[in-house]
N, C-alpha and C. Protein backbone atom coordinates (compact mmCIF):
# COMPACT_ATOMS: atom_id res chain seq x y z
N MET A 1 3.82 -12.94 -3.17
CA MET A 1 2.39 -12.82 -2.68
C MET A 1 1.90 -13.88 -3.92
N CYS A 2 0.77 -14.52 -3.16
CA CYS A 2 0.18 -15.45 -4.18
C CYS A 2 -0.75 -14.70 -5.04
N SER A 3 -1.25 -15.42 -6.12
CA SER A 3 -2.11 -14.65 -7.12
C SER A 3 -3.46 -14.19 -6.51
N ARG A 4 -3.88 -14.79 -5.49
CA ARG A 4 -5.12 -14.44 -4.91
C ARG A 4 -4.88 -14.85 -3.48
N LEU A 5 -5.39 -14.05 -2.38
CA LEU A 5 -5.43 -14.06 -1.16
C LEU A 5 -6.73 -13.73 -0.28
N GLU A 6 -7.35 -14.76 0.32
CA GLU A 6 -8.44 -13.99 1.18
C GLU A 6 -8.28 -13.61 2.22
N LEU A 7 -8.63 -12.13 2.52
CA LEU A 7 -8.02 -11.48 3.65
C LEU A 7 -9.12 -11.59 4.60
N VAL A 8 -10.43 -11.24 4.51
CA VAL A 8 -11.71 -11.60 5.17
C VAL A 8 -12.72 -12.00 4.31
N THR A 9 -13.66 -12.69 5.08
CA THR A 9 -14.77 -12.96 4.10
C THR A 9 -15.26 -12.06 3.35
N GLY A 10 -15.21 -12.68 1.99
CA GLY A 10 -15.67 -11.79 0.86
C GLY A 10 -14.82 -10.75 0.24
N ARG A 11 -13.40 -10.53 0.82
CA ARG A 11 -12.33 -9.52 0.34
C ARG A 11 -11.23 -10.38 -0.06
N VAL A 12 -10.74 -10.18 -1.21
CA VAL A 12 -9.70 -10.86 -1.90
C VAL A 12 -8.60 -9.95 -2.29
N LEU A 13 -7.29 -9.96 -1.89
CA LEU A 13 -6.06 -9.43 -2.46
C LEU A 13 -5.53 -10.08 -3.62
N ARG A 14 -5.41 -9.21 -4.53
CA ARG A 14 -4.99 -9.82 -5.98
C ARG A 14 -4.00 -8.85 -6.53
N PRO A 15 -3.25 -9.30 -7.44
CA PRO A 15 -2.43 -8.42 -8.30
C PRO A 15 -3.38 -7.39 -9.15
N SER A 16 -2.89 -6.36 -9.17
CA SER A 16 -3.65 -5.27 -10.15
C SER A 16 -3.65 -5.89 -11.59
N ALA A 17 -4.59 -5.34 -12.29
CA ALA A 17 -4.56 -5.86 -13.90
C ALA A 17 -5.01 -4.53 -14.52
N PRO A 18 -4.74 -4.35 -15.79
CA PRO A 18 -4.93 -3.26 -16.58
C PRO A 18 -6.63 -2.76 -16.66
N ASP A 19 -7.50 -3.91 -16.55
CA ASP A 19 -8.87 -3.57 -16.57
C ASP A 19 -9.40 -3.03 -15.24
N ASP A 20 -8.42 -2.89 -14.39
CA ASP A 20 -8.99 -2.43 -12.87
C ASP A 20 -9.09 -0.92 -12.90
N ALA A 21 -8.43 -0.27 -14.10
CA ALA A 21 -8.58 1.16 -14.03
C ALA A 21 -9.87 2.04 -13.73
N PRO A 22 -11.13 1.59 -14.15
CA PRO A 22 -12.27 2.17 -13.73
C PRO A 22 -12.49 2.05 -12.32
N ARG A 23 -12.40 0.88 -11.85
CA ARG A 23 -12.71 0.35 -10.54
C ARG A 23 -11.74 1.22 -9.54
N LEU A 24 -10.48 1.40 -9.86
CA LEU A 24 -9.72 2.04 -8.90
C LEU A 24 -9.94 3.63 -9.11
N VAL A 25 -10.55 4.18 -10.18
CA VAL A 25 -10.80 5.66 -10.20
C VAL A 25 -12.03 5.81 -9.36
N ALA A 26 -13.11 4.96 -9.44
CA ALA A 26 -14.26 5.00 -8.64
C ALA A 26 -13.99 4.88 -7.23
N MET A 27 -12.90 3.92 -6.76
CA MET A 27 -12.67 3.62 -5.34
C MET A 27 -12.09 5.09 -4.84
N PHE A 28 -11.30 5.57 -5.76
CA PHE A 28 -10.77 6.90 -5.45
C PHE A 28 -11.64 8.18 -5.09
N ALA A 29 -12.78 8.00 -6.12
CA ALA A 29 -13.86 9.09 -5.85
C ALA A 29 -14.29 8.88 -4.45
N ARG A 30 -14.60 7.49 -3.88
CA ARG A 30 -15.34 7.38 -2.68
C ARG A 30 -14.49 7.48 -1.38
N CYS A 31 -13.06 7.98 -1.61
CA CYS A 31 -12.37 8.28 -0.64
C CYS A 31 -12.46 9.76 -0.31
N SER A 32 -12.36 10.15 1.11
CA SER A 32 -12.63 11.62 1.47
C SER A 32 -11.45 12.31 1.01
N SER A 33 -11.29 13.58 0.95
CA SER A 33 -10.16 14.40 0.56
C SER A 33 -9.28 14.26 1.40
N ALA A 34 -9.49 13.78 3.00
CA ALA A 34 -8.54 13.62 4.22
C ALA A 34 -7.75 12.34 3.60
N SER A 35 -8.37 11.24 3.44
CA SER A 35 -7.59 10.05 2.83
C SER A 35 -6.73 10.26 1.71
N ARG A 36 -7.30 10.92 0.61
CA ARG A 36 -6.62 11.19 -0.53
C ARG A 36 -5.31 12.19 -0.13
N TYR A 37 -5.51 13.07 0.56
CA TYR A 37 -4.38 13.95 1.12
C TYR A 37 -3.37 13.24 1.94
N GLY A 38 -3.84 12.02 2.51
CA GLY A 38 -2.87 11.49 3.52
C GLY A 38 -2.27 10.31 2.55
N ARG A 39 -2.54 10.09 1.50
CA ARG A 39 -1.87 8.94 0.68
C ARG A 39 -0.82 9.72 -0.29
N PHE A 40 -1.08 10.90 -0.86
CA PHE A 40 -0.37 11.43 -1.65
C PHE A 40 0.25 12.86 -1.26
N LEU A 41 -0.06 13.01 -0.02
CA LEU A 41 0.59 14.36 0.67
C LEU A 41 0.29 15.55 -0.21
N ALA A 42 -0.88 15.55 -1.04
CA ALA A 42 -1.26 16.84 -1.69
C ALA A 42 -2.70 16.92 -1.96
N PRO A 43 -3.27 17.86 -2.11
CA PRO A 43 -4.74 17.86 -2.62
C PRO A 43 -4.68 17.08 -3.95
N ARG A 44 -5.95 16.09 -3.97
CA ARG A 44 -6.05 15.25 -5.32
C ARG A 44 -7.55 15.28 -5.35
N GLN A 45 -7.92 15.64 -6.57
CA GLN A 45 -9.38 15.54 -6.86
C GLN A 45 -9.49 14.20 -7.49
N HIS A 46 -8.48 13.94 -8.32
CA HIS A 46 -8.69 12.74 -9.26
C HIS A 46 -7.39 11.78 -9.15
N PHE A 47 -7.36 10.48 -9.37
CA PHE A 47 -6.59 9.63 -9.38
C PHE A 47 -5.25 9.99 -10.16
N PRO A 48 -4.23 10.44 -9.86
CA PRO A 48 -3.11 10.72 -10.59
C PRO A 48 -2.65 9.65 -11.78
N ALA A 49 -2.93 10.35 -12.86
CA ALA A 49 -2.82 9.42 -14.13
C ALA A 49 -1.50 8.89 -14.16
N SER A 50 -0.37 9.43 -14.03
CA SER A 50 1.00 8.71 -13.88
C SER A 50 0.80 7.59 -12.90
N HIS A 51 0.31 7.78 -11.73
CA HIS A 51 0.30 6.71 -10.83
C HIS A 51 -0.50 5.63 -11.09
N LEU A 52 -1.68 5.94 -11.81
CA LEU A 52 -2.72 5.11 -12.14
C LEU A 52 -2.08 4.28 -13.25
N VAL A 53 -1.33 4.64 -14.35
CA VAL A 53 -0.54 4.02 -15.12
C VAL A 53 0.55 2.92 -14.57
N ASP A 54 1.21 3.24 -13.43
CA ASP A 54 2.19 2.59 -12.75
C ASP A 54 1.65 1.59 -12.12
N VAL A 55 0.43 1.81 -11.30
CA VAL A 55 -0.07 1.00 -10.63
C VAL A 55 -0.75 -0.30 -11.47
N LEU A 56 -1.15 -0.10 -12.65
CA LEU A 56 -1.55 -1.17 -13.39
C LEU A 56 -0.53 -1.97 -14.30
N ARG A 57 0.69 -1.63 -14.20
CA ARG A 57 1.75 -2.07 -14.85
C ARG A 57 2.80 -2.81 -13.98
N SER A 58 2.82 -3.92 -13.55
CA SER A 58 3.69 -4.70 -12.59
C SER A 58 5.05 -4.75 -13.30
N SER A 59 6.24 -4.91 -12.79
CA SER A 59 7.46 -5.08 -13.42
C SER A 59 8.48 -5.56 -12.17
N PRO A 60 9.66 -6.01 -12.57
CA PRO A 60 10.47 -6.52 -11.68
C PRO A 60 10.85 -5.33 -10.40
N ILE A 61 10.71 -3.72 -10.86
CA ILE A 61 10.83 -2.90 -9.76
C ILE A 61 9.55 -2.34 -9.25
N ARG A 62 8.44 -2.91 -9.78
CA ARG A 62 7.11 -2.24 -9.44
C ARG A 62 6.08 -3.42 -9.23
N ARG A 63 5.51 -3.32 -8.01
CA ARG A 63 4.34 -4.60 -7.88
C ARG A 63 3.35 -3.61 -7.11
N SER A 64 2.07 -4.04 -7.68
CA SER A 64 0.79 -3.50 -7.06
C SER A 64 -0.21 -4.54 -7.08
N TRP A 65 -1.08 -4.39 -6.04
CA TRP A 65 -2.30 -5.29 -5.75
C TRP A 65 -3.60 -4.35 -5.41
N VAL A 66 -4.56 -5.11 -5.50
CA VAL A 66 -5.90 -4.42 -5.15
C VAL A 66 -6.71 -5.35 -4.41
N ILE A 67 -7.57 -4.75 -3.56
CA ILE A 67 -8.22 -5.64 -2.55
C ILE A 67 -9.86 -5.59 -3.40
N ASP A 68 -10.30 -6.48 -3.69
CA ASP A 68 -11.54 -6.72 -4.40
C ASP A 68 -12.70 -7.16 -3.17
N ASP A 69 -13.76 -6.34 -3.16
CA ASP A 69 -15.08 -6.76 -2.34
C ASP A 69 -15.84 -7.54 -3.31
N LEU A 70 -15.95 -8.79 -2.94
CA LEU A 70 -16.50 -9.86 -4.00
C LEU A 70 -17.99 -9.52 -4.08
N GLU A 71 -18.64 -9.21 -3.04
CA GLU A 71 -20.05 -8.85 -2.87
C GLU A 71 -20.49 -7.75 -3.87
N THR A 72 -19.77 -6.52 -3.67
CA THR A 72 -20.14 -5.54 -4.42
C THR A 72 -19.45 -5.33 -5.93
N GLY A 73 -18.36 -6.11 -5.88
CA GLY A 73 -17.52 -6.24 -7.27
C GLY A 73 -16.80 -4.76 -7.21
N ARG A 74 -16.36 -4.07 -6.05
CA ARG A 74 -15.64 -2.94 -6.14
C ARG A 74 -14.43 -3.18 -5.50
N VAL A 75 -13.36 -2.50 -6.12
CA VAL A 75 -12.02 -2.36 -5.50
C VAL A 75 -12.16 -1.61 -4.39
N VAL A 76 -11.67 -2.09 -3.19
CA VAL A 76 -11.84 -1.10 -1.90
C VAL A 76 -10.31 -0.63 -1.30
N GLY A 77 -9.13 -1.03 -1.99
CA GLY A 77 -7.98 -0.90 -1.66
C GLY A 77 -7.17 -1.04 -2.69
N VAL A 78 -5.94 -0.30 -2.87
CA VAL A 78 -4.78 -0.53 -3.43
C VAL A 78 -3.59 -0.26 -2.95
N GLY A 79 -2.38 -1.21 -3.18
CA GLY A 79 -1.22 -1.01 -2.63
C GLY A 79 -0.19 -1.42 -3.53
N SER A 80 1.15 -0.85 -3.35
CA SER A 80 2.21 -1.04 -4.15
C SER A 80 3.47 -0.84 -3.54
N TRP A 81 4.53 -1.23 -4.02
CA TRP A 81 5.97 -0.95 -3.77
C TRP A 81 6.37 -0.50 -5.25
N PHE A 82 7.67 0.38 -5.06
CA PHE A 82 8.35 0.95 -6.19
C PHE A 82 9.63 0.67 -5.70
N ARG A 83 10.63 -0.29 -6.33
CA ARG A 83 11.97 -0.10 -5.93
C ARG A 83 12.62 1.12 -6.53
N ASN A 84 13.27 1.77 -5.39
CA ASN A 84 13.81 3.33 -5.82
C ASN A 84 15.52 2.95 -5.67
N GLN A 85 15.96 1.92 -5.25
CA GLN A 85 17.35 1.66 -5.13
C GLN A 85 17.49 0.14 -5.17
N SER A 86 18.65 -0.39 -5.10
CA SER A 86 18.71 -1.89 -5.50
C SER A 86 18.25 -2.66 -4.17
N ASP A 87 18.15 -2.16 -2.91
CA ASP A 87 17.88 -2.92 -1.83
C ASP A 87 16.58 -1.98 -0.96
N SER A 88 15.83 -1.04 -1.59
CA SER A 88 15.02 -0.27 -1.13
C SER A 88 13.90 0.11 -1.98
N ALA A 89 12.66 0.19 -1.37
CA ALA A 89 11.24 0.46 -2.26
C ALA A 89 10.36 1.49 -1.44
N GLU A 90 9.74 2.29 -2.12
CA GLU A 90 8.77 2.94 -1.37
C GLU A 90 7.35 2.33 -1.34
N VAL A 91 6.70 2.47 -0.57
CA VAL A 91 5.43 1.68 -0.31
C VAL A 91 4.46 2.76 -0.32
N GLY A 92 3.21 2.38 -0.94
CA GLY A 92 1.87 3.20 -0.58
C GLY A 92 0.71 2.37 -0.49
N LEU A 93 -0.12 2.73 -0.01
CA LEU A 93 -1.26 2.15 0.22
C LEU A 93 -2.61 2.79 0.60
N LEU A 94 -3.79 2.83 -0.27
CA LEU A 94 -4.85 3.51 0.12
C LEU A 94 -5.99 2.56 0.24
N ILE A 95 -6.64 2.66 1.39
CA ILE A 95 -7.79 1.92 1.46
C ILE A 95 -9.22 2.69 1.76
N GLU A 96 -10.25 2.64 1.02
CA GLU A 96 -11.25 3.48 0.86
C GLU A 96 -11.76 3.58 2.36
N ASP A 97 -12.35 4.82 2.83
CA ASP A 97 -12.79 5.26 3.64
C ASP A 97 -13.86 4.15 4.56
N ALA A 98 -14.72 3.63 3.97
CA ALA A 98 -15.78 2.71 4.59
C ALA A 98 -15.33 1.43 4.99
N CYS A 99 -13.75 0.96 4.44
CA CYS A 99 -13.19 0.04 5.02
C CYS A 99 -12.16 0.05 5.85
N GLN A 100 -11.74 1.37 6.32
CA GLN A 100 -10.51 1.72 7.22
C GLN A 100 -11.00 1.20 8.63
N ARG A 101 -9.89 0.92 9.26
CA ARG A 101 -9.98 0.61 10.57
C ARG A 101 -10.63 -0.63 10.99
N HIS A 102 -10.44 -1.67 10.01
CA HIS A 102 -10.85 -3.12 10.26
C HIS A 102 -9.90 -3.98 9.94
N GLY A 103 -8.49 -3.41 9.96
CA GLY A 103 -7.67 -4.49 9.70
C GLY A 103 -7.15 -4.86 8.43
N LEU A 104 -7.71 -4.36 7.35
CA LEU A 104 -7.20 -4.46 6.04
C LEU A 104 -6.11 -3.92 5.76
N GLY A 105 -5.88 -2.60 6.10
CA GLY A 105 -4.46 -1.58 5.79
C GLY A 105 -3.29 -2.73 6.37
N THR A 106 -3.51 -3.01 7.63
CA THR A 106 -2.35 -3.74 8.31
C THR A 106 -1.93 -5.22 7.65
N ARG A 107 -3.27 -6.00 7.22
CA ARG A 107 -2.94 -7.08 6.56
C ARG A 107 -2.33 -6.97 5.20
N PHE A 108 -2.80 -6.07 4.37
CA PHE A 108 -2.45 -5.64 3.35
C PHE A 108 -0.81 -5.42 3.26
N LEU A 109 -0.55 -4.40 4.15
CA LEU A 109 1.04 -3.89 4.44
C LEU A 109 1.80 -5.35 4.60
N ASP A 110 1.37 -6.23 5.51
CA ASP A 110 2.06 -7.30 5.77
C ASP A 110 2.26 -7.99 4.63
N GLU A 111 1.67 -8.02 3.63
CA GLU A 111 1.75 -8.77 2.53
C GLU A 111 2.53 -8.13 1.43
N LEU A 112 2.58 -6.81 1.62
CA LEU A 112 3.37 -5.91 0.53
C LEU A 112 4.93 -6.19 0.95
N ALA A 113 5.02 -6.15 2.47
CA ALA A 113 6.30 -6.28 3.03
C ALA A 113 7.06 -7.86 2.89
N ALA A 114 6.18 -8.63 2.69
CA ALA A 114 6.38 -10.09 2.50
C ALA A 114 6.88 -10.15 0.96
N SER A 115 6.14 -9.43 0.12
CA SER A 115 6.40 -9.71 -1.29
C SER A 115 7.79 -8.93 -1.64
N ALA A 116 7.92 -7.74 -0.67
CA ALA A 116 9.24 -6.87 -0.93
C ALA A 116 10.48 -7.77 -0.38
N ARG A 117 10.30 -8.41 0.59
CA ARG A 117 11.42 -9.39 1.07
C ARG A 117 11.81 -10.32 -0.08
N ARG A 118 10.70 -11.09 -0.61
CA ARG A 118 11.22 -11.91 -1.32
C ARG A 118 11.77 -11.65 -2.60
N ALA A 119 11.43 -10.37 -3.01
CA ALA A 119 12.13 -9.57 -4.16
C ALA A 119 13.49 -9.04 -3.78
N GLY A 120 14.13 -9.32 -2.50
CA GLY A 120 15.39 -9.00 -2.19
C GLY A 120 15.49 -7.46 -1.60
N ILE A 121 14.24 -7.01 -1.25
CA ILE A 121 14.33 -5.51 -0.75
C ILE A 121 14.39 -5.65 0.79
N THR A 122 15.50 -4.84 1.07
CA THR A 122 15.64 -5.02 2.79
C THR A 122 15.04 -3.78 3.38
N GLU A 123 14.52 -2.84 2.66
CA GLU A 123 13.87 -1.39 3.57
C GLU A 123 12.83 -0.99 2.61
N LEU A 124 11.91 -0.61 3.35
CA LEU A 124 10.52 -0.14 2.69
C LEU A 124 10.64 1.33 3.30
N VAL A 125 10.22 2.27 2.46
CA VAL A 125 10.16 3.66 2.77
C VAL A 125 8.78 4.14 2.62
N GLY A 126 8.21 4.87 3.54
CA GLY A 126 6.85 5.21 3.72
C GLY A 126 6.87 6.77 3.95
N HIS A 127 6.37 7.64 2.95
CA HIS A 127 6.01 8.90 3.24
C HIS A 127 4.61 9.35 3.78
N THR A 128 4.44 10.05 4.66
CA THR A 128 3.19 10.09 5.41
C THR A 128 3.03 11.63 6.36
N LEU A 129 2.03 11.76 6.67
CA LEU A 129 1.74 12.89 7.42
C LEU A 129 2.34 12.65 8.82
N ALA A 130 2.80 13.74 9.69
CA ALA A 130 3.47 13.39 10.81
C ALA A 130 2.31 13.03 11.52
N SER A 131 1.12 13.50 11.48
CA SER A 131 0.01 13.29 12.44
C SER A 131 -0.56 11.98 12.21
N ALA A 132 -0.35 10.99 11.17
CA ALA A 132 -0.80 9.95 10.85
C ALA A 132 -0.27 8.78 11.90
N HIS A 133 -0.62 8.79 13.01
CA HIS A 133 0.10 7.79 14.00
C HIS A 133 -0.42 6.30 13.86
N HIS A 134 -1.79 6.23 13.09
CA HIS A 134 -1.87 4.71 12.69
C HIS A 134 -1.12 4.21 11.87
N VAL A 135 -0.75 5.36 10.69
CA VAL A 135 0.11 4.55 9.57
C VAL A 135 1.61 4.36 10.27
N HIS A 136 1.84 5.39 11.12
CA HIS A 136 3.43 4.99 11.76
C HIS A 136 3.36 3.67 12.73
N ARG A 137 2.20 3.41 13.29
CA ARG A 137 2.18 2.15 13.88
C ARG A 137 2.10 0.90 13.02
N MET A 138 1.46 1.13 11.98
CA MET A 138 1.43 -0.07 11.01
C MET A 138 2.98 -0.44 10.40
N LEU A 139 3.67 0.74 10.02
CA LEU A 139 4.95 0.52 9.49
C LEU A 139 5.89 -0.04 10.52
N ARG A 140 5.96 0.49 11.84
CA ARG A 140 6.68 0.21 13.01
C ARG A 140 6.59 -1.41 13.11
N ARG A 141 5.40 -1.85 12.92
CA ARG A 141 5.21 -3.66 13.26
C ARG A 141 5.87 -4.17 12.18
N LEU A 142 6.32 -3.90 11.00
CA LEU A 142 7.18 -4.57 9.93
C LEU A 142 8.38 -4.65 10.42
N GLY A 143 9.15 -3.88 11.41
CA GLY A 143 10.74 -3.87 11.60
C GLY A 143 11.25 -2.66 12.29
N PRO A 144 12.44 -2.70 12.70
CA PRO A 144 13.07 -1.62 13.11
C PRO A 144 12.80 -0.36 12.13
N THR A 145 12.50 0.75 12.68
CA THR A 145 12.19 2.03 11.82
C THR A 145 12.84 3.49 12.33
N THR A 146 13.15 3.81 11.25
CA THR A 146 13.76 5.27 11.59
C THR A 146 12.85 6.35 10.80
N VAL A 147 12.45 7.55 11.74
CA VAL A 147 11.61 8.47 11.25
C VAL A 147 12.34 9.76 10.96
N GLU A 148 12.25 10.30 9.79
CA GLU A 148 12.98 11.81 9.51
C GLU A 148 11.57 12.56 9.28
N SER A 149 11.39 13.55 10.18
CA SER A 149 10.51 14.59 10.09
C SER A 149 10.85 15.73 9.15
N SER A 150 9.77 16.24 8.59
CA SER A 150 10.01 17.40 7.93
C SER A 150 8.62 18.30 7.94
N GLY A 151 8.50 19.02 8.96
CA GLY A 151 7.35 19.83 8.80
C GLY A 151 5.97 18.75 9.07
N PRO A 152 5.19 19.03 8.30
CA PRO A 152 3.85 18.28 8.68
C PRO A 152 3.98 16.91 8.11
N THR A 153 5.19 16.49 7.57
CA THR A 153 5.49 15.10 6.82
C THR A 153 6.43 14.50 7.42
N CYS A 154 6.55 13.14 7.23
CA CYS A 154 7.85 12.41 7.92
C CYS A 154 8.00 11.25 6.78
N THR A 155 9.21 10.88 6.84
CA THR A 155 9.72 9.55 6.10
C THR A 155 10.00 8.52 7.06
N LEU A 156 9.29 7.35 7.04
CA LEU A 156 9.63 6.22 7.69
C LEU A 156 10.39 5.23 6.96
N ARG A 157 11.33 4.87 7.44
CA ARG A 157 12.31 3.70 6.72
C ARG A 157 12.37 2.32 7.75
N VAL A 158 11.88 1.48 7.22
CA VAL A 158 11.54 0.35 7.70
C VAL A 158 12.56 -0.81 7.29
N SER A 159 13.38 -1.32 8.29
CA SER A 159 14.30 -2.55 7.86
C SER A 159 13.67 -3.69 7.90
N LEU A 160 13.60 -4.62 6.71
CA LEU A 160 12.94 -5.57 6.47
C LEU A 160 13.96 -7.12 6.95
N THR A 161 15.19 -6.74 7.13
CA THR A 161 15.83 -7.94 7.56
C THR A 161 15.98 -8.37 8.95
N ASP A 162 15.46 -7.57 9.78
CA ASP A 162 15.46 -8.05 11.27
C ASP A 162 14.37 -8.95 11.75
N LYS A 163 13.26 -8.95 10.76
CA LYS A 163 12.02 -9.58 11.27
C LYS A 163 11.85 -10.99 10.44
N VAL A 164 11.56 -12.06 11.16
CA VAL A 164 11.47 -13.19 10.57
C VAL A 164 9.99 -13.02 9.72
N ASP A 165 9.93 -13.66 8.46
CA ASP A 165 8.67 -13.34 7.70
C ASP A 165 8.18 -14.69 7.57
N ALA A 166 7.10 -14.57 8.64
CA ALA A 166 6.13 -16.07 8.55
C ALA A 166 5.20 -16.26 7.29
N LEU A 167 4.96 -15.34 6.30
CA LEU A 167 4.34 -15.47 5.30
C LEU A 167 4.97 -15.99 4.12
N ALA A 168 6.26 -15.58 4.29
CA ALA A 168 7.01 -16.10 2.93
C ALA A 168 7.30 -17.55 2.74
N GLY A 169 6.05 -18.01 2.06
CA GLY A 169 6.16 -19.40 1.68
C GLY A 169 6.12 -19.61 0.16
């Protein structure tokens, strides 16, 4: 993923940085309890401290990005992948409520997948609510997907090897 990528007018995707912490915490506070629950699969009143530390520190096994709204100066989205095996990584994404359903999450997920492919990852794993059909559709767009259900949650495993990456430049 390049250092900055304009997603739509006035919104830029870029790598997270340590000074993003207060803006990430503020974005999290603007998210509804349903959005926070959908992302973390548990009730969260505050951005989990351990997750915040991970999101702010990129490494060869962990990559994180934010979406900046240039007009307001706010972070409106955060996404990452964390390598959990040599060729597999867990993916996570949170877009604040006011910016959902406008294509930002889909575009962001495309970029996360492209970055994972370039890092040699062949499978993305997403944990989500079984009822989050929009998230299932976003993940299935990336490649062949298997779904493992477990009550109200499920795990989607997306193969990244069977789809040509048009953005891998």
